[in-house]
Amino acid sequence: MNRILEQVIHQNGTMVDRILSDHTSGYVVSDNMANAVAESSFDNTSATAIVKHLNGLFVGICQSTVRDIDPENKLCFIRLATRKFEYLIAPEEYFTITVVQ
């Protein structure tokens, strides 16, 4: 796993605890370089599906759409609401954080 990603995960342990206490189903941190799960509160199958579909496909489409509208702009945050869950996705350079509420 990337050193930068490890540092971010360990430095933000208190923030992860706060996120999980606010009616949250769980979270997934994925490594953008390997497109793999770095840390998660879900089982491996669910976390891999979230990384594959949301972080892999959906975030790429959204980033492309934002750049098509304004080439100097950058996607910072996505909030996706479904009937059952709400997904909060924050793509960064080396990793992507997804919180499921």
PDB file of N, CA and C in Angstrom:
ATOM      1  N   MET A   1       0.845  -1.183   0.000  1.00  0.00           N
ATOM      2  CA  MET A   1       0.000   0.000   0.000  1.00  0.00           C
ATOM      3  C   MET A   1       0.887   1.242   0.000  1.00  0.00           C
ATOM      4  N   ASN A   2       0.400   2.273  -0.563  1.00  0.00           N
ATOM      5  CA  ASN A   2       1.105   3.528  -0.697  1.00  0.00           C
ATOM      6  C   ASN A   2       1.375   4.148   0.682  1.00  0.00           C
ATOM      7  N   ARG A   3       2.574   4.668   0.904  1.00  0.00           N
ATOM      8  CA  ARG A   3       2.920   5.294   2.195  1.00  0.00           C
ATOM      9  C   ARG A   3       2.044   6.488   2.523  1.00  0.00           C
ATOM     10  N   ILE A   4       1.750   7.284   1.531  1.00  0.00           N
ATOM     11  CA  ILE A   4       0.904   8.455   1.747  1.00  0.00           C
ATOM     12  C   ILE A   4      -0.473   8.017   2.223  1.00  0.00           C
ATOM     13  N   LEU A   5      -1.003   6.976   1.609  1.00  0.00           N
ATOM     14  CA  LEU A   5      -2.309   6.461   2.001  1.00  0.00           C
ATOM     15  C   LEU A   5      -2.281   5.925   3.422  1.00  0.00           C
ATOM     16  N   GLU A   6      -1.252   5.217   3.794  1.00  0.00           N
ATOM     17  CA  GLU A   6      -1.114   4.707   5.163  1.00  0.00           C
ATOM     18  C   GLU A   6      -1.081   5.846   6.173  1.00  0.00           C
ATOM     19  N   GLN A   7      -0.337   6.895   5.865  1.00  0.00           N
ATOM     20  CA  GLN A   7      -0.251   8.051   6.769  1.00  0.00           C
ATOM     21  C   GLN A   7      -1.610   8.718   6.947  1.00  0.00           C
ATOM     22  N   VAL A   8      -2.341   8.885   5.857  1.00  0.00           N
ATOM     23  CA  VAL A   8      -3.651   9.534   5.925  1.00  0.00           C
ATOM     24  C   VAL A   8      -4.613   8.701   6.769  1.00  0.00           C
ATOM     25  N   ILE A   9      -4.603   7.401   6.587  1.00  0.00           N
ATOM     26  CA  ILE A   9      -5.498   6.519   7.347  1.00  0.00           C
ATOM     27  C   ILE A   9      -5.192   6.604   8.836  1.00  0.00           C
ATOM     28  N   HIS A  10      -3.921   6.558   9.192  1.00  0.00           N
ATOM     29  CA  HIS A  10      -3.553   6.582  10.605  1.00  0.00           C
ATOM     30  C   HIS A  10      -3.744   7.961  11.243  1.00  0.00           C
ATOM     31  N   GLN A  11      -3.526   9.028  10.501  1.00  0.00           N
ATOM     32  CA  GLN A  11      -3.682  10.373  11.049  1.00  0.00           C
ATOM     33  C   GLN A  11      -5.146  10.745  11.257  1.00  0.00           C
ATOM     34  N   ASN A  12      -6.046  10.113  10.522  1.00  0.00           N
ATOM     35  CA  ASN A  12      -7.454  10.475  10.587  1.00  0.00           C
ATOM     36  C   ASN A  12      -8.305   9.428  11.295  1.00  0.00           C
ATOM     37  N   GLY A  13      -7.716   8.712  12.232  1.00  0.00           N
ATOM     38  CA  GLY A  13      -8.442   7.694  12.977  1.00  0.00           C
ATOM     39  C   GLY A  13      -9.618   8.249  13.762  1.00  0.00           C
ATOM     40  N   THR A  14      -9.450   9.423  14.351  1.00  0.00           N
ATOM     41  CA  THR A  14     -10.545  10.026  15.118  1.00  0.00           C
ATOM     42  C   THR A  14     -11.690  10.454  14.201  1.00  0.00           C
ATOM     43  N   MET A  15     -11.354  10.916  12.997  1.00  0.00           N
ATOM     44  CA  MET A  15     -12.381  11.311  12.042  1.00  0.00           C
ATOM     45  C   MET A  15     -13.178  10.084  11.580  1.00  0.00           C
ATOM     46  N   VAL A  16     -12.497   8.970  11.407  1.00  0.00           N
ATOM     47  CA  VAL A  16     -13.185   7.731  11.017  1.00  0.00           C
ATOM     48  C   VAL A  16     -14.161   7.313  12.108  1.00  0.00           C
ATOM     49  N   ASP A  17     -13.753   7.403  13.365  1.00  0.00           N
ATOM     50  CA  ASP A  17     -14.642   7.071  14.482  1.00  0.00           C
ATOM     51  C   ASP A  17     -15.863   7.983  14.501  1.00  0.00           C
ATOM     52  N   ARG A  18     -15.667   9.262  14.217  1.00  0.00           N
ATOM     53  CA  ARG A  18     -16.779  10.217  14.193  1.00  0.00           C
ATOM     54  C   ARG A  18     -17.726   9.907  13.040  1.00  0.00           C
ATOM     55  N   ILE A  19     -17.182   9.565  11.884  1.00  0.00           N
ATOM     56  CA  ILE A  19     -18.020   9.229  10.729  1.00  0.00           C
ATOM     57  C   ILE A  19     -18.873   8.008  11.026  1.00  0.00           C
ATOM     58  N   LEU A  20     -18.284   7.007  11.648  1.00  0.00           N
ATOM     59  CA  LEU A  20     -19.006   5.772  11.923  1.00  0.00           C
ATOM     60  C   LEU A  20     -20.061   5.927  13.005  1.00  0.00           C
ATOM     61  N   SER A  21     -19.946   6.939  13.841  1.00  0.00           N
ATOM     62  CA  SER A  21     -20.923   7.120  14.911  1.00  0.00           C
ATOM     63  C   SER A  21     -22.169   7.882  14.458  1.00  0.00           C
ATOM     64  N   ASP A  22     -22.160   8.498  13.321  1.00  0.00           N
ATOM     65  CA  ASP A  22     -23.274   9.335  12.852  1.00  0.00           C
ATOM     66  C   ASP A  22     -24.197   8.600  11.880  1.00  0.00           C
ATOM     67  N   HIS A  23     -24.818   7.508  12.318  1.00  0.00           N
ATOM     68  CA  HIS A  23     -25.783   6.748  11.513  1.00  0.00           C
ATOM     69  C   HIS A  23     -25.204   6.335  10.159  1.00  0.00           C
ATOM     70  N   THR A  24     -23.986   5.864  10.171  1.00  0.00           N
ATOM     71  CA  THR A  24     -23.307   5.467   8.950  1.00  0.00           C
ATOM     72  C   THR A  24     -23.235   3.955   8.878  1.00  0.00           C
ATOM     73  N   SER A  25     -23.492   3.417   7.691  1.00  0.00           N
ATOM     74  CA  SER A  25     -23.388   1.972   7.501  1.00  0.00           C
ATOM     75  C   SER A  25     -21.940   1.518   7.442  1.00  0.00           C
ATOM     76  N   GLY A  26     -21.073   2.341   6.900  1.00  0.00           N
ATOM     77  CA  GLY A  26     -19.663   1.972   6.813  1.00  0.00           C
ATOM     78  C   GLY A  26     -18.895   2.871   5.870  1.00  0.00           C
ATOM     79  N   TYR A  27     -17.643   2.526   5.664  1.00  0.00           N
ATOM     80  CA  TYR A  27     -16.769   3.323   4.809  1.00  0.00           C
ATOM     81  C   TYR A  27     -15.809   2.411   4.067  1.00  0.00           C
ATOM     82  N   VAL A  28     -15.279   2.918   2.969  1.00  0.00           N
ATOM     83  CA  VAL A  28     -14.264   2.225   2.181  1.00  0.00           C
ATOM     84  C   VAL A  28     -13.219   3.244   1.772  1.00  0.00           C
ATOM     85  N   VAL A  29     -11.959   2.912   1.988  1.00  0.00           N
ATOM     86  CA  VAL A  29     -10.848   3.714   1.477  1.00  0.00           C
ATOM     87  C   VAL A  29     -10.169   2.860   0.423  1.00  0.00           C
ATOM     88  N   SER A  30     -10.080   3.387  -0.797  1.00  0.00           N
ATOM     89  CA  SER A  30      -9.474   2.614  -1.876  1.00  0.00           C
ATOM     90  C   SER A  30      -8.209   3.287  -2.376  1.00  0.00           C
ATOM     91  N   ASP A  31      -7.279   2.462  -2.778  1.00  0.00           N
ATOM     92  CA  ASP A  31      -6.006   2.918  -3.331  1.00  0.00           C
ATOM     93  C   ASP A  31      -6.199   3.137  -4.825  1.00  0.00           C
ATOM     94  N   ASN A  32      -6.029   4.367  -5.299  1.00  0.00           N
ATOM     95  CA  ASN A  32      -6.256   4.673  -6.710  1.00  0.00           C
ATOM     96  C   ASN A  32      -5.212   4.045  -7.626  1.00  0.00           C
ATOM     97  N   MET A  33      -3.998   3.849  -7.129  1.00  0.00           N
ATOM     98  CA  MET A  33      -2.940   3.276  -7.971  1.00  0.00           C
ATOM     99  C   MET A  33      -3.236   1.819  -8.320  1.00  0.00           C
ATOM    100  N   ALA A  34      -3.688   1.043  -7.331  1.00  0.00           N
ATOM    101  CA  ALA A  34      -3.953  -0.377  -7.539  1.00  0.00           C
ATOM    102  C   ALA A  34      -5.429  -0.667  -7.761  1.00  0.00           C
ATOM    103  N   ASN A  35      -6.287   0.338  -7.596  1.00  0.00           N
ATOM    104  CA  ASN A  35      -7.741   0.194  -7.693  1.00  0.00           C
ATOM    105  C   ASN A  35      -8.224  -0.950  -6.801  1.00  0.00           C
ATOM    106  N   ALA A  36      -7.732  -0.937  -5.560  1.00  0.00           N
ATOM    107  CA  ALA A  36      -8.041  -1.995  -4.601  1.00  0.00           C
ATOM    108  C   ALA A  36      -8.446  -1.383  -3.265  1.00  0.00           C
ATOM    109  N   VAL A  37      -9.077  -2.190  -2.430  1.00  0.00           N
ATOM    110  CA  VAL A  37      -9.514  -1.747  -1.109  1.00  0.00           C
ATOM    111  C   VAL A  37      -8.296  -1.628  -0.201  1.00  0.00           C
ATOM    112  N   ALA A  38      -8.128  -0.466   0.423  1.00  0.00           N
ATOM    113  CA  ALA A  38      -7.029  -0.258   1.359  1.00  0.00           C
ATOM    114  C   ALA A  38      -7.503  -0.495   2.784  1.00  0.00           C
ATOM    115  N   GLU A  39      -8.704  -0.008   3.099  1.00  0.00           N
ATOM    116  CA  GLU A  39      -9.285  -0.191   4.426  1.00  0.00           C
ATOM    117  C   GLU A  39     -10.793  -0.072   4.291  1.00  0.00           C
ATOM    118  N   SER A  40     -11.521  -0.861   5.086  1.00  0.00           N
ATOM    119  CA  SER A  40     -12.962  -0.845   4.987  1.00  0.00           C
ATOM    120  C   SER A  40     -13.594  -1.364   6.261  1.00  0.00           C
ATOM    121  N   SER A  41     -14.849  -0.941   6.489  1.00  0.00           N
ATOM    122  CA  SER A  41     -15.617  -1.486   7.591  1.00  0.00           C
ATOM    123  C   SER A  41     -16.617  -2.521   7.082  1.00  0.00           C
ATOM    124  N   PHE A  42     -16.639  -2.762   5.769  1.00  0.00           N
ATOM    125  CA  PHE A  42     -17.508  -3.760   5.155  1.00  0.00           C
ATOM    126  C   PHE A  42     -16.751  -5.069   4.971  1.00  0.00           C
ATOM    127  N   ASP A  43     -17.498  -6.127   4.612  1.00  0.00           N
ATOM    128  CA  ASP A  43     -16.835  -7.374   4.242  1.00  0.00           C
ATOM    129  C   ASP A  43     -16.145  -7.171   2.893  1.00  0.00           C
ATOM    130  N   ASN A  44     -15.254  -8.066   2.544  1.00  0.00           N
ATOM    131  CA  ASN A  44     -14.416  -7.905   1.350  1.00  0.00           C
ATOM    132  C   ASN A  44     -15.231  -7.836   0.065  1.00  0.00           C
ATOM    133  N   THR A  45     -16.285  -8.636  -0.056  1.00  0.00           N
ATOM    134  CA  THR A  45     -17.102  -8.650  -1.275  1.00  0.00           C
ATOM    135  C   THR A  45     -17.805  -7.310  -1.487  1.00  0.00           C
ATOM    136  N   SER A  46     -18.422  -6.781  -0.440  1.00  0.00           N
ATOM    137  CA  SER A  46     -19.123  -5.496  -0.560  1.00  0.00           C
ATOM    138  C   SER A  46     -18.148  -4.356  -0.840  1.00  0.00           C
ATOM    139  N   ALA A  47     -17.020  -4.357  -0.129  1.00  0.00           N
ATOM    140  CA  ALA A  47     -16.022  -3.299  -0.327  1.00  0.00           C
ATOM    141  C   ALA A  47     -15.460  -3.332  -1.741  1.00  0.00           C
ATOM    142  N   THR A  48     -15.199  -4.516  -2.261  1.00  0.00           N
ATOM    143  CA  THR A  48     -14.677  -4.641  -3.627  1.00  0.00           C
ATOM    144  C   THR A  48     -15.702  -4.165  -4.647  1.00  0.00           C
ATOM    145  N   ALA A  49     -16.982  -4.466  -4.418  1.00  0.00           N
ATOM    146  CA  ALA A  49     -18.036  -4.007  -5.335  1.00  0.00           C
ATOM    147  C   ALA A  49     -18.148  -2.490  -5.329  1.00  0.00           C
ATOM    148  N   ILE A  50     -18.046  -1.877  -4.151  1.00  0.00           N
ATOM    149  CA  ILE A  50     -18.097  -0.416  -4.055  1.00  0.00           C
ATOM    150  C   ILE A  50     -16.932   0.209  -4.806  1.00  0.00           C
ATOM    151  N   VAL A  51     -15.736  -0.330  -4.597  1.00  0.00           N
ATOM    152  CA  VAL A  51     -14.548   0.205  -5.277  1.00  0.00           C
ATOM    153  C   VAL A  51     -14.665   0.016  -6.786  1.00  0.00           C
ATOM    154  N   LYS A  52     -15.115  -1.148  -7.221  1.00  0.00           N
ATOM    155  CA  LYS A  52     -15.197  -1.432  -8.657  1.00  0.00           C
ATOM    156  C   LYS A  52     -16.216  -0.548  -9.352  1.00  0.00           C
ATOM    157  N   HIS A  53     -17.413  -0.464  -8.794  1.00  0.00           N
ATOM    158  CA  HIS A  53     -18.491   0.241  -9.492  1.00  0.00           C
ATOM    159  C   HIS A  53     -18.511   1.744  -9.226  1.00  0.00           C
ATOM    160  N   LEU A  54     -18.457   2.123  -7.968  1.00  0.00           N
ATOM    161  CA  LEU A  54     -18.530   3.558  -7.653  1.00  0.00           C
ATOM    162  C   LEU A  54     -17.206   4.253  -7.923  1.00  0.00           C
ATOM    163  N   ASN A  55     -16.148   3.776  -7.288  1.00  0.00           N
ATOM    164  CA  ASN A  55     -14.862   4.463  -7.401  1.00  0.00           C
ATOM    165  C   ASN A  55     -14.219   4.251  -8.765  1.00  0.00           C
ATOM    166  N   GLY A  56     -14.417   3.093  -9.356  1.00  0.00           N
ATOM    167  CA  GLY A  56     -13.798   2.809 -10.642  1.00  0.00           C
ATOM    168  C   GLY A  56     -14.512   3.455 -11.806  1.00  0.00           C
ATOM    169  N   LEU A  57     -15.798   3.182 -11.933  1.00  0.00           N
ATOM    170  CA  LEU A  57     -16.554   3.660 -13.098  1.00  0.00           C
ATOM    171  C   LEU A  57     -17.206   5.016 -12.876  1.00  0.00           C
ATOM    172  N   PHE A  58     -17.967   5.131 -11.825  1.00  0.00           N
ATOM    173  CA  PHE A  58     -18.784   6.330 -11.600  1.00  0.00           C
ATOM    174  C   PHE A  58     -17.937   7.581 -11.382  1.00  0.00           C
ATOM    175  N   VAL A  59     -16.899   7.486 -10.554  1.00  0.00           N
ATOM    176  CA  VAL A  59     -16.051   8.656 -10.280  1.00  0.00           C
ATOM    177  C   VAL A  59     -15.336   9.110 -11.552  1.00  0.00           C
ATOM    178  N   GLY A  60     -14.884   8.164 -12.363  1.00  0.00           N
ATOM    179  CA  GLY A  60     -14.223   8.514 -13.622  1.00  0.00           C
ATOM    180  C   GLY A  60     -15.141   9.262 -14.570  1.00  0.00           C
ATOM    181  N   ILE A  61     -16.381   8.820 -14.665  1.00  0.00           N
ATOM    182  CA  ILE A  61     -17.368   9.497 -15.519  1.00  0.00           C
ATOM    183  C   ILE A  61     -17.653  10.903 -14.995  1.00  0.00           C
ATOM    184  N   CYS A  62     -17.807  11.032 -13.678  1.00  0.00           N
ATOM    185  CA  CYS A  62     -18.085  12.354 -13.090  1.00  0.00           C
ATOM    186  C   CYS A  62     -16.908  13.314 -13.281  1.00  0.00           C
ATOM    187  N   GLN A  63     -15.682  12.804 -13.093  1.00  0.00           N
ATOM    188  CA  GLN A  63     -14.501  13.648 -13.307  1.00  0.00           C
ATOM    189  C   GLN A  63     -14.419  14.108 -14.750  1.00  0.00           C
ATOM    190  N   SER A  64     -14.700  13.221 -15.671  1.00  0.00           N
ATOM    191  CA  SER A  64     -14.681  13.564 -17.090  1.00  0.00           C
ATOM    192  C   SER A  64     -15.748  14.601 -17.426  1.00  0.00           C
ATOM    193  N   THR A  65     -16.923  14.460 -16.832  1.00  0.00           N
ATOM    194  CA  THR A  65     -18.007  15.413 -17.070  1.00  0.00           C
ATOM    195  C   THR A  65     -17.644  16.805 -16.564  1.00  0.00           C
ATOM    196  N   VAL A  66     -17.070  16.871 -15.374  1.00  0.00           N
ATOM    197  CA  VAL A  66     -16.665  18.168 -14.813  1.00  0.00           C
ATOM    198  C   VAL A  66     -15.607  18.818 -15.696  1.00  0.00           C
ATOM    199  N   ARG A  67     -14.648  18.039 -16.170  1.00  0.00           N
ATOM    200  CA  ARG A  67     -13.587  18.594 -17.030  1.00  0.00           C
ATOM    201  C   ARG A  67     -14.120  19.003 -18.394  1.00  0.00           C
ATOM    202  N   ASP A  68     -15.146  18.303 -18.899  1.00  0.00           N
ATOM    203  CA  ASP A  68     -15.759  18.697 -20.177  1.00  0.00           C
ATOM    204  C   ASP A  68     -16.443  20.055 -20.059  1.00  0.00           C
ATOM    205  N   ILE A  69     -17.069  20.292 -18.915  1.00  0.00           N
ATOM    206  CA  ILE A  69     -17.752  21.562 -18.697  1.00  0.00           C
ATOM    207  C   ILE A  69     -16.749  22.691 -18.501  1.00  0.00           C
ATOM    208  N   ASP A  70     -15.730  22.441 -17.677  1.00  0.00           N
ATOM    209  CA  ASP A  70     -14.700  23.442 -17.394  1.00  0.00           C
ATOM    210  C   ASP A  70     -13.362  22.721 -17.224  1.00  0.00           C
ATOM    211  N   PRO A  71     -12.467  22.791 -18.210  1.00  0.00           N
ATOM    212  CA  PRO A  71     -11.204  22.058 -18.155  1.00  0.00           C
ATOM    213  C   PRO A  71     -10.293  22.437 -16.985  1.00  0.00           C
ATOM    214  N   GLU A  72     -10.493  23.587 -16.392  1.00  0.00           N
ATOM    215  CA  GLU A  72      -9.646  24.013 -15.279  1.00  0.00           C
ATOM    216  C   GLU A  72     -10.224  23.602 -13.923  1.00  0.00           C
ATOM    217  N   ASN A  73     -11.397  23.016 -13.920  1.00  0.00           N
ATOM    218  CA  ASN A  73     -12.070  22.635 -12.684  1.00  0.00           C
ATOM    219  C   ASN A  73     -11.719  21.197 -12.310  1.00  0.00           C
ATOM    220  N   LYS A  74     -11.984  20.829 -11.040  1.00  0.00           N
ATOM    221  CA  LYS A  74     -11.652  19.497 -10.550  1.00  0.00           C
ATOM    222  C   LYS A  74     -12.787  19.000  -9.658  1.00  0.00           C
ATOM    223  N   LEU A  75     -13.121  17.732  -9.776  1.00  0.00           N
ATOM    224  CA  LEU A  75     -14.153  17.122  -8.949  1.00  0.00           C
ATOM    225  C   LEU A  75     -13.632  16.950  -7.528  1.00  0.00           C
ATOM    226  N   CYS A  76     -14.384  17.447  -6.546  1.00  0.00           N
ATOM    227  CA  CYS A  76     -13.966  17.362  -5.145  1.00  0.00           C
ATOM    228  C   CYS A  76     -14.812  16.391  -4.336  1.00  0.00           C
ATOM    229  N   PHE A  77     -16.090  16.290  -4.648  1.00  0.00           N
ATOM    230  CA  PHE A  77     -16.997  15.533  -3.796  1.00  0.00           C
ATOM    231  C   PHE A  77     -18.231  15.131  -4.591  1.00  0.00           C
ATOM    232  N   ILE A  78     -18.728  13.917  -4.357  1.00  0.00           N
ATOM    233  CA  ILE A  78     -19.959  13.446  -5.000  1.00  0.00           C
ATOM    234  C   ILE A  78     -20.892  12.958  -3.900  1.00  0.00           C
ATOM    235  N   ARG A  79     -22.147  13.307  -4.021  1.00  0.00           N
ATOM    236  CA  ARG A  79     -23.170  12.808  -3.095  1.00  0.00           C
ATOM    237  C   ARG A  79     -24.240  12.136  -3.942  1.00  0.00           C
ATOM    238  N   LEU A  80     -24.380  10.827  -3.773  1.00  0.00           N
ATOM    239  CA  LEU A  80     -25.301  10.030  -4.568  1.00  0.00           C
ATOM    240  C   LEU A  80     -26.340   9.410  -3.641  1.00  0.00           C
ATOM    241  N   ALA A  81     -27.608   9.733  -3.860  1.00  0.00           N
ATOM    242  CA  ALA A  81     -28.681   9.203  -3.013  1.00  0.00           C
ATOM    243  C   ALA A  81     -29.485   8.180  -3.791  1.00  0.00           C
ATOM    244  N   THR A  82     -29.683   7.012  -3.181  1.00  0.00           N
ATOM    245  CA  THR A  82     -30.536   5.975  -3.736  1.00  0.00           C
ATOM    246  C   THR A  82     -31.703   5.769  -2.772  1.00  0.00           C
ATOM    247  N   ARG A  83     -32.568   4.835  -3.071  1.00  0.00           N
ATOM    248  CA  ARG A  83     -33.704   4.588  -2.174  1.00  0.00           C
ATOM    249  C   ARG A  83     -33.244   4.050  -0.822  1.00  0.00           C
ATOM    250  N   LYS A  84     -32.217   3.222  -0.815  1.00  0.00           N
ATOM    251  CA  LYS A  84     -31.784   2.590   0.423  1.00  0.00           C
ATOM    252  C   LYS A  84     -30.628   3.308   1.109  1.00  0.00           C
ATOM    253  N   PHE A  85     -29.687   3.814   0.335  1.00  0.00           N
ATOM    254  CA  PHE A  85     -28.462   4.365   0.901  1.00  0.00           C
ATOM    255  C   PHE A  85     -28.127   5.715   0.280  1.00  0.00           C
ATOM    256  N   GLU A  86     -27.195   6.384   0.934  1.00  0.00           N
ATOM    257  CA  GLU A  86     -26.608   7.607   0.403  1.00  0.00           C
ATOM    258  C   GLU A  86     -25.103   7.395   0.394  1.00  0.00           C
ATOM    259  N   TYR A  87     -24.467   7.642  -0.747  1.00  0.00           N
ATOM    260  CA  TYR A  87     -23.034   7.446  -0.903  1.00  0.00           C
ATOM    261  C   TYR A  87     -22.361   8.813  -0.967  1.00  0.00           C
ATOM    262  N   LEU A  88     -21.375   9.012  -0.135  1.00  0.00           N
ATOM    263  CA  LEU A  88     -20.581  10.237  -0.130  1.00  0.00           C
ATOM    264  C   LEU A  88     -19.178   9.846  -0.584  1.00  0.00           C
ATOM    265  N   ILE A  89     -18.752  10.383  -1.719  1.00  0.00           N
ATOM    266  CA  ILE A  89     -17.502   9.959  -2.344  1.00  0.00           C
ATOM    267  C   ILE A  89     -16.579  11.162  -2.469  1.00  0.00           C
ATOM    268  N   ALA A  90     -15.369  11.016  -1.946  1.00  0.00           N
ATOM    269  CA  ALA A  90     -14.366  12.084  -2.005  1.00  0.00           C
ATOM    270  C   ALA A  90     -13.114  11.548  -2.708  1.00  0.00           C
ATOM    271  N   PRO A  91     -12.970  11.805  -4.008  1.00  0.00           N
ATOM    272  CA  PRO A  91     -11.782  11.339  -4.723  1.00  0.00           C
ATOM    273  C   PRO A  91     -10.596  12.272  -4.489  1.00  0.00           C
ATOM    274  N   GLU A  92      -9.470  11.688  -4.183  1.00  0.00           N
ATOM    275  CA  GLU A  92      -8.218  12.421  -4.018  1.00  0.00           C
ATOM    276  C   GLU A  92      -7.218  11.896  -5.039  1.00  0.00           C
ATOM    277  N   GLU A  93      -5.999  12.398  -4.974  1.00  0.00           N
ATOM    278  CA  GLU A  93      -4.994  11.987  -5.956  1.00  0.00           C
ATOM    279  C   GLU A  93      -4.583  10.526  -5.781  1.00  0.00           C
ATOM    280  N   TYR A  94      -4.304  10.105  -4.557  1.00  0.00           N
ATOM    281  CA  TYR A  94      -3.793   8.760  -4.307  1.00  0.00           C
ATOM    282  C   TYR A  94      -4.853   7.790  -3.787  1.00  0.00           C
ATOM    283  N   PHE A  95      -5.964   8.287  -3.312  1.00  0.00           N
ATOM    284  CA  PHE A  95      -6.985   7.427  -2.725  1.00  0.00           C
ATOM    285  C   PHE A  95      -8.366   8.052  -2.890  1.00  0.00           C
ATOM    286  N   THR A  96      -9.393   7.233  -2.677  1.00  0.00           N
ATOM    287  CA  THR A  96     -10.771   7.693  -2.710  1.00  0.00           C
ATOM    288  C   THR A  96     -11.476   7.171  -1.474  1.00  0.00           C
ATOM    289  N   ILE A  97     -12.192   8.054  -0.794  1.00  0.00           N
ATOM    290  CA  ILE A  97     -12.930   7.680   0.404  1.00  0.00           C
ATOM    291  C   ILE A  97     -14.413   7.651   0.047  1.00  0.00           C
ATOM    292  N   THR A  98     -15.075   6.545   0.393  1.00  0.00           N
ATOM    293  CA  THR A  98     -16.507   6.402   0.174  1.00  0.00           C
ATOM    294  C   THR A  98     -17.173   6.082   1.494  1.00  0.00           C
ATOM    295  N   VAL A  99     -18.170   6.871   1.869  1.00  0.00           N
ATOM    296  CA  VAL A  99     -18.937   6.639   3.093  1.00  0.00           C
ATOM    297  C   VAL A  99     -20.355   6.283   2.677  1.00  0.00           C
ATOM    298  N   VAL A 100     -20.910   5.250   3.289  1.00  0.00           N
ATOM    299  CA  VAL A 100     -22.265   4.800   2.989  1.00  0.00           C
ATOM    300  C   VAL A 100     -23.140   5.108   4.193  1.00  0.00           C
ATOM    301  N   GLN A 101     -24.207   5.865   3.961  1.00  0.00           N
ATOM    302  CA  GLN A 101     -25.140   6.204   5.037  1.00  0.00           C
ATOM    303  C   GLN A 101     -26.477   5.587   4.771  1.00  0.00           C
TER     304      GLN A 101
END
